């Protein structure tokens, strides 16, 4: 009885270890998939940031110019 119980416990232990290894592999694969699907390119984000910054600067210059023109017209 003791030997069969120990064999059963040993088999269950091995199965638990294999299940743990399989689950770790699955989690790793899912994380890799998620990162590849939803990951962002830092280079692309930097290019977008620079473009938005330049667009903002151009808009600010335009508004300043319109403001000066309006002030000039008002002061005439």
PDB file of N, CA and C in Angstrom:
ATOM      1  N   UNK A   1       0.817  -1.186   0.000  1.00  0.00           N
ATOM      2  CA  UNK A   1       0.000   0.000   0.000  1.00  0.00           C
ATOM      3  C   UNK A   1       0.864   1.256   0.000  1.00  0.00           C
ATOM      4  N   UNK A   2       1.901   1.260   0.845  1.00  0.00           N
ATOM      5  CA  UNK A   2       2.795   2.410   0.952  1.00  0.00           C
ATOM      6  C   UNK A   2       3.472   2.691  -0.383  1.00  0.00           C
ATOM      7  N   UNK A   3       3.946   1.645  -1.050  1.00  0.00           N
ATOM      8  CA  UNK A   3       4.648   1.815  -2.324  1.00  0.00           C
ATOM      9  C   UNK A   3       3.716   2.386  -3.387  1.00  0.00           C
ATOM     10  N   UNK A   4       2.498   1.895  -3.442  1.00  0.00           N
ATOM     11  CA  UNK A   4       1.568   2.409  -4.458  1.00  0.00           C
ATOM     12  C   UNK A   4       1.184   3.859  -4.161  1.00  0.00           C
ATOM     13  N   UNK A   5       1.067   4.199  -2.897  1.00  0.00           N
ATOM     14  CA  UNK A   5       0.756   5.582  -2.527  1.00  0.00           C
ATOM     15  C   UNK A   5       1.901   6.506  -2.909  1.00  0.00           C
ATOM     16  N   UNK A   6       3.126   6.076  -2.645  1.00  0.00           N
ATOM     17  CA  UNK A   6       4.297   6.885  -2.985  1.00  0.00           C
ATOM     18  C   UNK A   6       4.433   7.026  -4.500  1.00  0.00           C
ATOM     19  N   UNK A   7       4.127   5.962  -5.228  1.00  0.00           N
ATOM     20  CA  UNK A   7       4.167   6.030  -6.689  1.00  0.00           C
ATOM     21  C   UNK A   7       3.130   7.026  -7.189  1.00  0.00           C
ATOM     22  N   UNK A   8       1.939   6.955  -6.624  1.00  0.00           N
ATOM     23  CA  UNK A   8       0.870   7.873  -7.015  1.00  0.00           C
ATOM     24  C   UNK A   8       1.274   9.324  -6.733  1.00  0.00           C
ATOM     25  N   UNK A   9       1.837   9.569  -5.557  1.00  0.00           N
ATOM     26  CA  UNK A   9       2.270  10.925  -5.189  1.00  0.00           C
ATOM     27  C   UNK A   9       3.381  11.393  -6.123  1.00  0.00           C
ATOM     28  N   UNK A  10       4.304  10.500  -6.453  1.00  0.00           N
ATOM     29  CA  UNK A  10       5.390  10.853  -7.369  1.00  0.00           C
ATOM     30  C   UNK A  10       4.874  11.219  -8.748  1.00  0.00           C
ATOM     31  N   UNK A  11       3.927  10.434  -9.247  1.00  0.00           N
ATOM     32  CA  UNK A  11       3.346  10.713 -10.569  1.00  0.00           C
ATOM     33  C   UNK A  11       2.596  12.045 -10.547  1.00  0.00           C
ATOM     34  N   UNK A  12       1.834  12.273  -9.495  1.00  0.00           N
ATOM     35  CA  UNK A  12       1.099  13.534  -9.376  1.00  0.00           C
ATOM     36  C   UNK A  12       2.059  14.725  -9.307  1.00  0.00           C
ATOM     37  N   UNK A  13       3.168  14.537  -8.604  1.00  0.00           N
ATOM     38  CA  UNK A  13       4.169  15.599  -8.496  1.00  0.00           C
ATOM     39  C   UNK A  13       4.780  15.916  -9.857  1.00  0.00           C
ATOM     40  N   UNK A  14       5.109  14.880 -10.623  1.00  0.00           N
ATOM     41  CA  UNK A  14       5.672  15.092 -11.960  1.00  0.00           C
ATOM     42  C   UNK A  14       4.668  15.793 -12.872  1.00  0.00           C
ATOM     43  N   UNK A  15       3.414  15.381 -12.787  1.00  0.00           N
ATOM     44  CA  UNK A  15       2.389  16.024 -13.616  1.00  0.00           C
ATOM     45  C   UNK A  15       2.215  17.496 -13.235  1.00  0.00           C
ATOM     46  N   UNK A  16       2.279  17.769 -11.948  1.00  0.00           N
ATOM     47  CA  UNK A  16       2.149  19.154 -11.493  1.00  0.00           C
ATOM     48  C   UNK A  16       3.319  19.995 -11.997  1.00  0.00           C
ATOM     49  N   UNK A  17       4.524  19.418 -11.964  1.00  0.00           N
ATOM     50  CA  UNK A  17       5.693  20.143 -12.468  1.00  0.00           C
ATOM     51  C   UNK A  17       5.566  20.400 -13.967  1.00  0.00           C
ATOM     52  N   UNK A  18       5.125  19.401 -14.722  1.00  0.00           N
ATOM     53  CA  UNK A  18       4.939  19.580 -16.171  1.00  0.00           C
ATOM     54  C   UNK A  18       3.865  20.622 -16.458  1.00  0.00           C
ATOM     55  N   UNK A  19       2.788  20.569 -15.682  1.00  0.00           N
ATOM     56  CA  UNK A  19       1.725  21.565 -15.861  1.00  0.00           C
ATOM     57  C   UNK A  19       2.240  22.977 -15.585  1.00  0.00           C
ATOM     58  N   UNK A  20       3.052  23.108 -14.550  1.00  0.00           N
ATOM     59  CA  UNK A  20       3.616  24.417 -14.227  1.00  0.00           C
ATOM     60  C   UNK A  20       4.513  24.912 -15.361  1.00  0.00           C
ATOM     61  N   UNK A  21       5.370  24.046 -15.888  1.00  0.00           N
ATOM     62  CA  UNK A  21       6.253  24.419 -16.991  1.00  0.00           C
ATOM     63  C   UNK A  21       5.438  24.808 -18.226  1.00  0.00           C
ATOM     64  N   UNK A  22       4.401  24.029 -18.521  1.00  0.00           N
ATOM     65  CA  UNK A  22       3.549  24.337 -19.673  1.00  0.00           C
ATOM     66  C   UNK A  22       2.827  25.669 -19.495  1.00  0.00           C
ATOM     67  N   UNK A  23       2.341  25.916 -18.281  1.00  0.00           N
ATOM     68  CA  UNK A  23       1.654  27.179 -18.015  1.00  0.00           C
ATOM     69  C   UNK A  23       2.605  28.365 -18.129  1.00  0.00           C
ATOM     70  N   UNK A  24       3.833  28.211 -17.637  1.00  0.00           N
ATOM     71  CA  UNK A  24       4.819  29.282 -17.752  1.00  0.00           C
ATOM     72  C   UNK A  24       5.137  29.570 -19.219  1.00  0.00           C
ATOM     73  N   UNK A  25       5.264  28.520 -20.013  1.00  0.00           N
ATOM     74  CA  UNK A  25       5.522  28.687 -21.440  1.00  0.00           C
ATOM     75  C   UNK A  25       4.344  29.373 -22.120  1.00  0.00           C
ATOM     76  N   UNK A  26       3.146  28.973 -21.775  1.00  0.00           N
ATOM     77  CA  UNK A  26       1.950  29.579 -22.356  1.00  0.00           C
ATOM     78  C   UNK A  26       1.860  31.060 -22.001  1.00  0.00           C
ATOM     79  N   UNK A  27       2.115  31.390 -20.749  1.00  0.00           N
ATOM     80  CA  UNK A  27       2.083  32.790 -20.321  1.00  0.00           C
ATOM     81  C   UNK A  27       3.134  33.595 -21.079  1.00  0.00           C
ATOM     82  N   UNK A  28       4.311  33.038 -21.222  1.00  0.00           N
ATOM     83  CA  UNK A  28       5.379  33.718 -21.959  1.00  0.00           C
ATOM     84  C   UNK A  28       4.978  33.968 -23.407  1.00  0.00           C
ATOM     85  N   UNK A  29       4.396  32.970 -24.044  1.00  0.00           N
ATOM     86  CA  UNK A  29       3.956  33.129 -25.433  1.00  0.00           C
ATOM     87  C   UNK A  29       2.843  34.167 -25.549  1.00  0.00           C
ATOM     88  N   UNK A  30       1.917  34.160 -24.615  1.00  0.00           N
ATOM     89  CA  UNK A  30       0.828  35.139 -24.643  1.00  0.00           C
ATOM     90  C   UNK A  30       1.346  36.558 -24.426  1.00  0.00           C
ATOM     91  N   UNK A  31       2.312  36.721 -23.523  1.00  0.00           N
ATOM     92  CA  UNK A  31       2.895  38.043 -23.297  1.00  0.00           C
ATOM     93  C   UNK A  31       3.617  38.534 -24.547  1.00  0.00           C
ATOM     94  N   UNK A  32       4.347  37.634 -25.206  1.00  0.00           N
ATOM     95  CA  UNK A  32       5.036  37.996 -26.443  1.00  0.00           C
ATOM     96  C   UNK A  32       4.037  38.401 -27.511  1.00  0.00           C
ATOM     97  N   UNK A  33       2.958  37.647 -27.640  1.00  0.00           N
ATOM     98  CA  UNK A  33       1.918  37.973 -28.617  1.00  0.00           C
ATOM     99  C   UNK A  33       1.289  39.323 -28.308  1.00  0.00           C
ATOM    100  N   UNK A  34       0.978  39.562 -27.045  1.00  0.00           N
ATOM    101  CA  UNK A  34       0.357  40.830 -26.650  1.00  0.00           C
ATOM    102  C   UNK A  34       1.277  42.005 -26.955  1.00  0.00           C
ATOM    103  N   UNK A  35       2.557  41.864 -26.638  1.00  0.00           N
ATOM    104  CA  UNK A  35       3.508  42.938 -26.903  1.00  0.00           C
ATOM    105  C   UNK A  35       3.660  43.200 -28.392  1.00  0.00           C
ATOM    106  N   UNK A  36       3.671  42.140 -29.191  1.00  0.00           N
ATOM    107  CA  UNK A  36       3.815  42.336 -30.635  1.00  0.00           C
ATOM    108  C   UNK A  36       2.557  42.940 -31.230  1.00  0.00           C
ATOM    109  N   UNK A  37       1.414  42.654 -30.650  1.00  0.00           N
ATOM    110  CA  UNK A  37       0.145  43.168 -31.168  1.00  0.00           C
ATOM    111  C   UNK A  37      -0.097  44.605 -30.730  1.00  0.00           C
ATOM    112  N   UNK A  38       0.181  44.901 -29.467  1.00  0.00           N
ATOM    113  CA  UNK A  38      -0.152  46.221 -28.938  1.00  0.00           C
ATOM    114  C   UNK A  38       1.063  47.090 -28.669  1.00  0.00           C
ATOM    115  N   UNK A  39       2.243  46.602 -28.957  1.00  0.00           N
ATOM    116  CA  UNK A  39       3.444  47.380 -28.707  1.00  0.00           C
ATOM    117  C   UNK A  39       3.523  48.610 -29.591  1.00  0.00           C
ATOM    118  N   UNK A  40       4.225  49.618 -29.106  1.00  0.00           N
ATOM    119  CA  UNK A  40       4.403  50.839 -29.875  1.00  0.00           C
ATOM    120  C   UNK A  40       5.871  50.997 -30.223  1.00  0.00           C
ATOM    121  N   UNK A  41       6.096  51.623 -31.346  1.00  0.00           N
ATOM    122  CA  UNK A  41       7.456  51.909 -31.774  1.00  0.00           C
ATOM    123  C   UNK A  41       7.860  53.256 -31.189  1.00  0.00           C
ATOM    124  N   UNK A  42       8.923  53.278 -30.407  1.00  0.00           N
ATOM    125  CA  UNK A  42       9.365  54.530 -29.810  1.00  0.00           C
ATOM    126  C   UNK A  42       9.844  55.500 -30.878  1.00  0.00           C
ATOM    127  N   UNK A  43      10.461  54.994 -31.936  1.00  0.00           N
ATOM    128  CA  UNK A  43      10.903  55.860 -33.026  1.00  0.00           C
ATOM    129  C   UNK A  43       9.706  56.529 -33.692  1.00  0.00           C
ATOM    130  N   UNK A  44       8.671  55.748 -33.951  1.00  0.00           N
ATOM    131  CA  UNK A  44       7.468  56.293 -34.581  1.00  0.00           C
ATOM    132  C   UNK A  44       6.796  57.322 -33.676  1.00  0.00           C
ATOM    133  N   UNK A  45       6.748  57.038 -32.390  1.00  0.00           N
ATOM    134  CA  UNK A  45       6.150  57.982 -31.451  1.00  0.00           C
ATOM    135  C   UNK A  45       6.964  59.269 -31.380  1.00  0.00           C
ATOM    136  N   UNK A  46       8.293  59.172 -31.450  1.00  0.00           N
ATOM    137  CA  UNK A  46       9.143  60.361 -31.415  1.00  0.00           C
ATOM    138  C   UNK A  46       8.922  61.207 -32.665  1.00  0.00           C
ATOM    139  N   UNK A  47       8.811  60.573 -33.827  1.00  0.00           N
ATOM    140  CA  UNK A  47       8.545  61.299 -35.073  1.00  0.00           C
ATOM    141  C   UNK A  47       7.210  62.025 -34.971  1.00  0.00           C
ATOM    142  N   UNK A  48       6.190  61.343 -34.465  1.00  0.00           N
ATOM    143  CA  UNK A  48       4.879  61.977 -34.296  1.00  0.00           C
ATOM    144  C   UNK A  48       4.953  63.154 -33.330  1.00  0.00           C
ATOM    145  N   UNK A  49       5.688  62.990 -32.245  1.00  0.00           N
ATOM    146  CA  UNK A  49       5.818  64.059 -31.260  1.00  0.00           C
ATOM    147  C   UNK A  49       6.467  65.292 -31.879  1.00  0.00           C
ATOM    148  N   UNK A  50       7.516  65.100 -32.660  1.00  0.00           N
ATOM    149  CA  UNK A  50       8.196  66.223 -33.315  1.00  0.00           C
ATOM    150  C   UNK A  50       7.261  66.900 -34.312  1.00  0.00           C
ATOM    151  N   UNK A  51       6.503  66.108 -35.071  1.00  0.00           N
ATOM    152  CA  UNK A  51       5.553  66.692 -36.029  1.00  0.00           C
ATOM    153  C   UNK A  51       4.484  67.512 -35.311  1.00  0.00           C
ATOM    154  N   UNK A  52       3.952  67.002 -34.220  1.00  0.00           N
ATOM    155  CA  UNK A  52       2.934  67.733 -33.469  1.00  0.00           C
ATOM    156  C   UNK A  52       3.512  69.012 -32.866  1.00  0.00           C
ATOM    157  N   UNK A  53       4.755  68.931 -32.388  1.00  0.00           N
ATOM    158  CA  UNK A  53       5.401  70.105 -31.812  1.00  0.00           C
ATOM    159  C   UNK A  53       5.585  71.184 -32.878  1.00  0.00           C
ATOM    160  N   UNK A  54       6.030  70.806 -34.054  1.00  0.00           N
ATOM    161  CA  UNK A  54       6.220  71.781 -35.137  1.00  0.00           C
ATOM    162  C   UNK A  54       4.886  72.364 -35.592  1.00  0.00           C
ATOM    163  N   UNK A  55       3.858  71.543 -35.639  1.00  0.00           N
ATOM    164  CA  UNK A  55       2.531  72.048 -36.003  1.00  0.00           C
ATOM    165  C   UNK A  55       2.036  73.047 -34.963  1.00  0.00           C
ATOM    166  N   UNK A  56       2.290  72.771 -33.697  1.00  0.00           N
ATOM    167  CA  UNK A  56       1.901  73.689 -32.630  1.00  0.00           C
ATOM    168  C   UNK A  56       2.654  75.009 -32.756  1.00  0.00           C
ATOM    169  N   UNK A  57       3.966  74.926 -33.016  1.00  0.00           N
ATOM    170  CA  UNK A  57       4.770  76.140 -33.182  1.00  0.00           C
ATOM    171  C   UNK A  57       4.264  76.970 -34.359  1.00  0.00           C
ATOM    172  N   UNK A  58       3.933  76.315 -35.466  1.00  0.00           N
ATOM    173  CA  UNK A  58       3.422  77.031 -36.638  1.00  0.00           C
ATOM    174  C   UNK A  58       2.088  77.692 -36.317  1.00  0.00           C
ATOM    175  N   UNK A  59       1.231  76.999 -35.600  1.00  0.00           N
ATOM    176  CA  UNK A  59      -0.062  77.572 -35.216  1.00  0.00           C
ATOM    177  C   UNK A  59       0.127  78.769 -34.295  1.00  0.00           C
ATOM    178  N   UNK A  60       1.064  78.663 -33.378  1.00  0.00           N
ATOM    179  CA  UNK A  60       1.326  79.775 -32.457  1.00  0.00           C
ATOM    180  C   UNK A  60       1.842  80.990 -33.218  1.00  0.00           C
ATOM    181  N   UNK A  61       2.719  80.789 -34.197  1.00  0.00           N
ATOM    182  CA  UNK A  61       3.216  81.909 -35.010  1.00  0.00           C
ATOM    183  C   UNK A  61       2.073  82.540 -35.805  1.00  0.00           C
ATOM    184  N   UNK A  62       1.205  81.723 -36.361  1.00  0.00           N
ATOM    185  CA  UNK A  62       0.066  82.225 -37.133  1.00  0.00           C
ATOM    186  C   UNK A  62      -0.843  83.077 -36.250  1.00  0.00           C
ATOM    187  N   UNK A  63      -1.136  82.583 -35.065  1.00  0.00           N
ATOM    188  CA  UNK A  63      -2.005  83.330 -34.152  1.00  0.00           C
ATOM    189  C   UNK A  63      -1.341  84.635 -33.739  1.00  0.00           C
ATOM    190  N   UNK A  64      -0.042  84.626 -33.500  1.00  0.00           N
ATOM    191  CA  UNK A  64       0.675  85.858 -33.157  1.00  0.00           C
ATOM    192  C   UNK A  64       0.604  86.860 -34.297  1.00  0.00           C
ATOM    193  N   UNK A  65       0.768  86.383 -35.518  1.00  0.00           N
ATOM    194  CA  UNK A  65       0.698  87.266 -36.683  1.00  0.00           C
ATOM    195  C   UNK A  65      -0.691  87.863 -36.822  1.00  0.00           C
ATOM    196  N   UNK A  66      -1.717  87.043 -36.690  1.00  0.00           N
ATOM    197  CA  UNK A  66      -3.095  87.541 -36.771  1.00  0.00           C
ATOM    198  C   UNK A  66      -3.349  88.551 -35.662  1.00  0.00           C
ATOM    199  N   UNK A  67      -2.841  88.291 -34.477  1.00  0.00           N
ATOM    200  CA  UNK A  67      -3.019  89.213 -33.358  1.00  0.00           C
ATOM    201  C   UNK A  67      -2.360  90.556 -33.652  1.00  0.00           C
ATOM    202  N   UNK A  68      -1.147  90.549 -34.207  1.00  0.00           N
ATOM    203  CA  UNK A  68      -0.464  91.807 -34.545  1.00  0.00           C
ATOM    204  C   UNK A  68      -1.221  92.569 -35.627  1.00  0.00           C
ATOM    205  N   UNK A  69      -1.715  91.845 -36.629  1.00  0.00           N
ATOM    206  CA  UNK A  69      -2.483  92.494 -37.696  1.00  0.00           C
ATOM    207  C   UNK A  69      -3.741  93.132 -37.115  1.00  0.00           C
ATOM    208  N   UNK A  70      -4.419  92.431 -36.243  1.00  0.00           N
ATOM    209  CA  UNK A  70      -5.634  92.965 -35.628  1.00  0.00           C
ATOM    210  C   UNK A  70      -5.310  94.199 -34.784  1.00  0.00           C
ATOM    211  N   UNK A  71      -4.218  94.147 -34.033  1.00  0.00           N
ATOM    212  CA  UNK A  71      -3.816  95.301 -33.225  1.00  0.00           C
ATOM    213  C   UNK A  71      -3.495  96.496 -34.112  1.00  0.00           C
ATOM    214  N   UNK A  72      -2.815  96.233 -35.230  1.00  0.00           N
ATOM    215  CA  UNK A  72      -2.492  97.309 -36.165  1.00  0.00           C
ATOM    216  C   UNK A  72      -3.763  97.916 -36.741  1.00  0.00           C
ATOM    217  N   UNK A  73      -4.706  97.079 -37.133  1.00  0.00           N
ATOM    218  CA  UNK A  73      -5.966  97.573 -37.685  1.00  0.00           C
ATOM    219  C   UNK A  73      -6.764  98.364 -36.654  1.00  0.00           C
ATOM    220  N   UNK A  74      -6.763  97.910 -35.438  1.00  0.00           N
ATOM    221  CA  UNK A  74      -7.510  98.594 -34.380  1.00  0.00           C
ATOM    222  C   UNK A  74      -6.885  99.956 -34.091  1.00  0.00           C
ATOM    223  N   UNK A  75      -5.577 100.051 -34.140  1.00  0.00           N
ATOM    224  CA  UNK A  75      -4.873 101.293 -33.820  1.00  0.00           C
ATOM    225  C   UNK A  75      -4.900 102.304 -34.957  1.00  0.00           C
ATOM    226  N   UNK A  76      -5.393 101.962 -36.132  1.00  0.00           N
ATOM    227  CA  UNK A  76      -5.412 102.901 -37.260  1.00  0.00           C
ATOM    228  C   UNK A  76      -6.386 103.991 -37.042  1.00  0.00           C
TER     229      UNK A  76
END
